Amino acid sequence: MRYIPLTGAPGSTVAVAWRRGLRGPGVEQFAAVAQQVRDRESAIVRALEAPPS
């Protein structure tokens, strides 16, 4: 896995991407955990999505 900063996207945008045809078990697990955290931590997600003061 690798962190790649995005430009031209709102500050709280997080994306998970992979090469076509290379979605292995590690990617599946990471995407599932990321979605679980997103759903469980909705207050944190809303705080991150709030415009800066």
Protein backbone atom coordinates (compact mmCIF):
# COMPACT_ATOMS: atom_id res chain seq x y z
CA MET A 1 0.00 0.00 0.00
CA ARG A 2 1.07 3.53 -0.65
CA TYR A 3 -0.11 6.99 0.40
CA ILE A 4 -0.62 9.35 -2.54
CA PRO A 5 -1.86 12.89 -1.81
CA LEU A 6 -4.71 14.08 -4.02
CA THR A 7 -4.86 17.56 -5.47
CA GLY A 8 -8.03 19.37 -6.46
CA ALA A 9 -10.21 17.43 -3.98
CA PRO A 10 -11.88 18.71 -0.81
CA GLY A 11 -9.60 18.43 2.22
CA SER A 12 -11.36 15.48 3.83
CA THR A 13 -11.66 13.28 0.76
CA VAL A 14 -10.18 9.85 1.26
CA ALA A 15 -10.05 7.34 -1.56
CA VAL A 16 -8.94 3.75 -1.76
CA ALA A 17 -7.72 2.69 -5.18
CA TRP A 18 -5.99 -0.31 -6.69
CA ARG A 19 -4.78 -1.42 -10.07
CA ARG A 20 -7.40 -3.06 -12.22
CA GLY A 21 -7.20 -6.81 -11.79
CA LEU A 22 -5.02 -6.64 -8.66
CA ARG A 23 -7.60 -6.52 -5.88
CA GLY A 24 -6.13 -9.16 -3.60
CA PRO A 25 -7.05 -10.20 -0.06
CA GLY A 26 -5.06 -7.33 1.51
CA VAL A 27 -7.00 -4.75 -0.48
CA GLU A 28 -10.30 -6.45 0.34
CA GLN A 29 -9.50 -6.44 4.06
CA PHE A 30 -8.27 -2.83 4.07
CA ALA A 31 -11.36 -1.58 2.21
CA ALA A 32 -13.66 -3.49 4.59
CA VAL A 33 -11.96 -2.08 7.69
CA ALA A 34 -11.95 1.45 6.23
CA GLN A 35 -15.70 1.21 5.63
CA GLN A 36 -16.32 -0.16 9.13
CA VAL A 37 -14.35 2.70 10.71
CA ARG A 38 -16.18 5.23 8.52
CA ASP A 39 -19.54 3.86 9.61
CA ARG A 40 -18.61 3.48 13.29
CA GLU A 41 -16.91 6.88 13.65
CA SER A 42 -19.53 9.05 11.96
CA ALA A 43 -18.93 11.98 14.38
CA ILE A 44 -15.25 12.06 13.45
CA VAL A 45 -16.11 11.85 9.75
CA ARG A 46 -18.55 14.79 10.09
CA ALA A 47 -15.88 16.80 11.94
CA LEU A 48 -13.35 16.11 9.19
CA GLU A 49 -15.84 17.12 6.52
CA ALA A 50 -16.73 20.41 8.24
CA PRO A 51 -15.25 23.43 6.51
CA PRO A 52 -12.26 24.92 8.33
CA SER A 53 -13.05 27.88 10.63
